[in-house]
Amino acid sequence: MDEITTGLRGVVTAVVGIEDTAIAFGSGDVEVLATPRVVAMVEAAALAALGDRLAISSTSVGTHIDLRHLAPSLIGAVVTASAEVTAVERRTITFSVEAHAGDVVVADGTHTRVVVRREGFGS
């Protein structure tokens, strides 16, 4: 594993579409950004923070997420998710995560990933 240090940051941005809504995910009955989609966005931001720092034989897998979904985002809203490495302990990497739509905090929380060997994982 290459150098993974606190302060590394990743960002992803998406425009909320009908496929991102609570109705589409089956997690609610309103046309707003679904919590499972927010989770996927902050996980993608965490992956972006790691970039190409992991050895090709390794990957990281999500093991924990603690997320508060604080505000709705309507179809057409531009939502930006970010993740910053706050702790590294051996193979375990902890992130502070947030999602924003403009100045509005859509979600915040923490996310943990563990570095694993690709070969043999899941078998």
C-alpha atoms as a PDB file:
ATOM      1  CA  MET A   1       0.000   0.000   0.000  1.00  0.00           C
ATOM      2  CA  ASP A   2       1.350   3.393  -0.961  1.00  0.00           C
ATOM      3  CA  GLU A   3       1.259   6.334   1.406  1.00  0.00           C
ATOM      4  CA  ILE A   4      -2.273   7.007   2.602  1.00  0.00           C
ATOM      5  CA  THR A   5      -2.307   9.930   5.001  1.00  0.00           C
ATOM      6  CA  THR A   6      -4.844  12.050   6.806  1.00  0.00           C
ATOM      7  CA  GLY A   7      -6.045  15.013   4.806  1.00  0.00           C
ATOM      8  CA  LEU A   8      -6.429  13.187   1.489  1.00  0.00           C
ATOM      9  CA  ARG A   9      -9.687  14.354  -0.046  1.00  0.00           C
ATOM     10  CA  GLY A  10     -11.970  13.159  -2.831  1.00  0.00           C
ATOM     11  CA  VAL A  11     -14.991  14.805  -4.417  1.00  0.00           C
ATOM     12  CA  VAL A  12     -17.759  13.622  -6.743  1.00  0.00           C
ATOM     13  CA  THR A  13     -20.617  15.642  -8.197  1.00  0.00           C
ATOM     14  CA  ALA A  14     -23.917  14.503  -9.677  1.00  0.00           C
ATOM     15  CA  VAL A  15     -27.114  16.066 -10.932  1.00  0.00           C
ATOM     16  CA  VAL A  16     -30.094  14.403  -9.243  1.00  0.00           C
ATOM     17  CA  GLY A  17     -32.094  12.489 -11.830  1.00  0.00           C
ATOM     18  CA  ILE A  18     -35.272  10.444 -11.598  1.00  0.00           C
ATOM     19  CA  GLU A  19     -33.090   7.327 -11.209  1.00  0.00           C
ATOM     20  CA  ASP A  20     -31.567   8.821  -8.025  1.00  0.00           C
ATOM     21  CA  THR A  21     -34.843   9.335  -6.177  1.00  0.00           C
ATOM     22  CA  ALA A  22     -36.249   7.551  -3.164  1.00  0.00           C
ATOM     23  CA  ILE A  23     -39.035   6.188  -5.378  1.00  0.00           C
ATOM     24  CA  ALA A  24     -36.538   4.681  -7.824  1.00  0.00           C
ATOM     25  CA  PHE A  25     -34.499   3.117  -5.002  1.00  0.00           C
ATOM     26  CA  GLY A  26     -37.583   1.852  -3.187  1.00  0.00           C
ATOM     27  CA  SER A  27     -36.493   3.703  -0.046  1.00  0.00           C
ATOM     28  CA  GLY A  28     -39.358   6.191   0.050  1.00  0.00           C
ATOM     29  CA  ASP A  29     -42.280   7.600  -1.883  1.00  0.00           C
ATOM     30  CA  VAL A  30     -41.102  11.093  -2.843  1.00  0.00           C
ATOM     31  CA  GLU A  31     -39.057  12.353  -5.783  1.00  0.00           C
ATOM     32  CA  VAL A  32     -36.021  13.526  -3.825  1.00  0.00           C
ATOM     33  CA  LEU A  33     -32.463  12.225  -3.645  1.00  0.00           C
ATOM     34  CA  ALA A  34     -32.523   8.776  -2.010  1.00  0.00           C
ATOM     35  CA  THR A  35     -30.400   8.109   1.049  1.00  0.00           C
ATOM     36  CA  PRO A  36     -28.876   4.985  -0.585  1.00  0.00           C
ATOM     37  CA  ARG A  37     -27.731   7.218  -3.475  1.00  0.00           C
ATOM     38  CA  VAL A  38     -26.111   9.628  -0.998  1.00  0.00           C
ATOM     39  CA  VAL A  39     -24.313   6.662   0.571  1.00  0.00           C
ATOM     40  CA  ALA A  40     -23.039   5.604  -2.876  1.00  0.00           C
ATOM     41  CA  MET A  41     -21.861   9.155  -3.565  1.00  0.00           C
ATOM     42  CA  VAL A  42     -19.831   9.458  -0.346  1.00  0.00           C
ATOM     43  CA  GLU A  43     -18.341   6.011  -0.965  1.00  0.00           C
ATOM     44  CA  ALA A  44     -17.327   7.155  -4.460  1.00  0.00           C
ATOM     45  CA  ALA A  45     -15.773  10.276  -2.928  1.00  0.00           C
ATOM     46  CA  ALA A  46     -13.794   8.074  -0.516  1.00  0.00           C
ATOM     47  CA  LEU A  47     -12.530   6.013  -3.450  1.00  0.00           C
ATOM     48  CA  ALA A  48     -11.559   9.237  -5.222  1.00  0.00           C
ATOM     49  CA  ALA A  49      -9.617  10.308  -2.123  1.00  0.00           C
ATOM     50  CA  LEU A  50      -7.591   7.098  -2.293  1.00  0.00           C
ATOM     51  CA  GLY A  51      -7.006   7.557  -6.015  1.00  0.00           C
ATOM     52  CA  ASP A  52      -4.277   5.240  -7.266  1.00  0.00           C
ATOM     53  CA  ARG A  53      -2.501   4.967  -3.921  1.00  0.00           C
ATOM     54  CA  LEU A  54      -3.361   1.288  -3.423  1.00  0.00           C
ATOM     55  CA  ALA A  55      -1.265  -1.440  -4.962  1.00  0.00           C
ATOM     56  CA  ILE A  56      -2.838  -2.969  -8.078  1.00  0.00           C
ATOM     57  CA  SER A  57      -3.243  -6.223  -6.107  1.00  0.00           C
ATOM     58  CA  SER A  58      -5.321  -4.433  -3.451  1.00  0.00           C
ATOM     59  CA  THR A  59      -8.648  -2.673  -3.228  1.00  0.00           C
ATOM     60  CA  SER A  60     -10.705  -1.164  -0.444  1.00  0.00           C
ATOM     61  CA  VAL A  61     -14.132  -2.221   0.732  1.00  0.00           C
ATOM     62  CA  GLY A  62     -16.627  -0.277   2.773  1.00  0.00           C
ATOM     63  CA  THR A  63     -17.172  -1.716   6.252  1.00  0.00           C
ATOM     64  CA  HIS A  64     -19.102   1.001   8.068  1.00  0.00           C
ATOM     65  CA  ILE A  65     -21.070   4.133   7.347  1.00  0.00           C
ATOM     66  CA  ASP A  66     -22.726   6.526   9.770  1.00  0.00           C
ATOM     67  CA  LEU A  67     -24.649   9.107   7.759  1.00  0.00           C
ATOM     68  CA  ARG A  68     -27.185  11.758   8.663  1.00  0.00           C
ATOM     69  CA  HIS A  69     -29.363  12.715   5.677  1.00  0.00           C
ATOM     70  CA  LEU A  70     -30.258  16.273   6.675  1.00  0.00           C
ATOM     71  CA  ALA A  71     -32.012  17.936   3.733  1.00  0.00           C
ATOM     72  CA  PRO A  72     -33.896  16.906   0.593  1.00  0.00           C
ATOM     73  CA  SER A  73     -32.480  17.454  -2.889  1.00  0.00           C
ATOM     74  CA  LEU A  74     -34.949  17.740  -5.739  1.00  0.00           C
ATOM     75  CA  ILE A  75     -34.530  16.401  -9.268  1.00  0.00           C
ATOM     76  CA  GLY A  76     -32.127  18.707 -11.088  1.00  0.00           C
ATOM     77  CA  ALA A  77     -30.164  19.673  -7.970  1.00  0.00           C
ATOM     78  CA  VAL A  78     -26.376  19.546  -8.242  1.00  0.00           C
ATOM     79  CA  VAL A  79     -25.058  17.551  -5.272  1.00  0.00           C
ATOM     80  CA  THR A  80     -21.369  17.346  -4.382  1.00  0.00           C
ATOM     81  CA  ALA A  81     -20.114  14.642  -2.042  1.00  0.00           C
ATOM     82  CA  SER A  82     -16.715  14.823  -0.386  1.00  0.00           C
ATOM     83  CA  ALA A  83     -14.643  12.489   1.754  1.00  0.00           C
ATOM     84  CA  GLU A  84     -11.515  13.320   3.731  1.00  0.00           C
ATOM     85  CA  VAL A  85      -9.200  10.796   5.360  1.00  0.00           C
ATOM     86  CA  THR A  86      -9.239  11.443   9.104  1.00  0.00           C
ATOM     87  CA  ALA A  87      -7.465   8.316  10.388  1.00  0.00           C
ATOM     88  CA  VAL A  88      -5.343   5.471   9.071  1.00  0.00           C
ATOM     89  CA  GLU A  89      -4.750   2.436  11.263  1.00  0.00           C
ATOM     90  CA  ARG A  90      -2.983  -0.389   9.450  1.00  0.00           C
ATOM     91  CA  ARG A  91      -5.481  -1.444   6.735  1.00  0.00           C
ATOM     92  CA  THR A  92      -8.408   0.583   8.124  1.00  0.00           C
ATOM     93  CA  ILE A  93      -9.101   4.046   6.705  1.00  0.00           C
ATOM     94  CA  THR A  94     -11.655   6.399   8.249  1.00  0.00           C
ATOM     95  CA  PHE A  95     -13.211   9.315   6.375  1.00  0.00           C
ATOM     96  CA  SER A  96     -15.272  12.336   7.309  1.00  0.00           C
ATOM     97  CA  VAL A  97     -17.969  12.629   4.636  1.00  0.00           C
ATOM     98  CA  GLU A  98     -20.357  15.367   3.537  1.00  0.00           C
ATOM     99  CA  ALA A  99     -22.769  16.094   0.713  1.00  0.00           C
ATOM    100  CA  HIS A 100     -23.846  19.597  -0.301  1.00  0.00           C
ATOM    101  CA  ALA A 101     -26.331  21.117  -2.722  1.00  0.00           C
ATOM    102  CA  GLY A 102     -24.995  24.642  -3.055  1.00  0.00           C
ATOM    103  CA  ASP A 103     -24.697  26.029   0.475  1.00  0.00           C
ATOM    104  CA  VAL A 104     -27.082  23.448   1.937  1.00  0.00           C
ATOM    105  CA  VAL A 105     -25.571  20.511   3.824  1.00  0.00           C
ATOM    106  CA  VAL A 106     -27.472  17.510   2.487  1.00  0.00           C
ATOM    107  CA  ALA A 107     -25.683  14.863   4.575  1.00  0.00           C
ATOM    108  CA  ASP A 108     -22.711  14.341   6.859  1.00  0.00           C
ATOM    109  CA  GLY A 109     -21.083  11.512   8.741  1.00  0.00           C
ATOM    110  CA  THR A 110     -18.203   9.061   8.755  1.00  0.00           C
ATOM    111  CA  HIS A 111     -17.219   6.153   6.545  1.00  0.00           C
ATOM    112  CA  THR A 112     -14.709   3.353   7.107  1.00  0.00           C
ATOM    113  CA  ARG A 113     -12.957   1.290   4.454  1.00  0.00           C
ATOM    114  CA  VAL A 114     -10.522  -1.619   4.815  1.00  0.00           C
ATOM    115  CA  VAL A 115      -7.779  -2.437   2.338  1.00  0.00           C
ATOM    116  CA  VAL A 116      -7.936  -6.053   1.146  1.00  0.00           C
ATOM    117  CA  ARG A 117      -6.128  -8.214  -1.399  1.00  0.00           C
ATOM    118  CA  ARG A 118      -8.137  -8.583  -4.601  1.00  0.00           C
ATOM    119  CA  GLU A 119      -7.055 -12.194  -5.121  1.00  0.00           C
ATOM    120  CA  GLY A 120      -9.253 -14.517  -3.150  1.00  0.00           C
ATOM    121  CA  PHE A 121     -11.526 -11.783  -1.786  1.00  0.00           C
ATOM    122  CA  GLY A 122     -15.078 -13.014  -1.584  1.00  0.00           C
ATOM    123  CA  SER A 123     -14.258 -16.599  -2.357  1.00  0.00           C
END
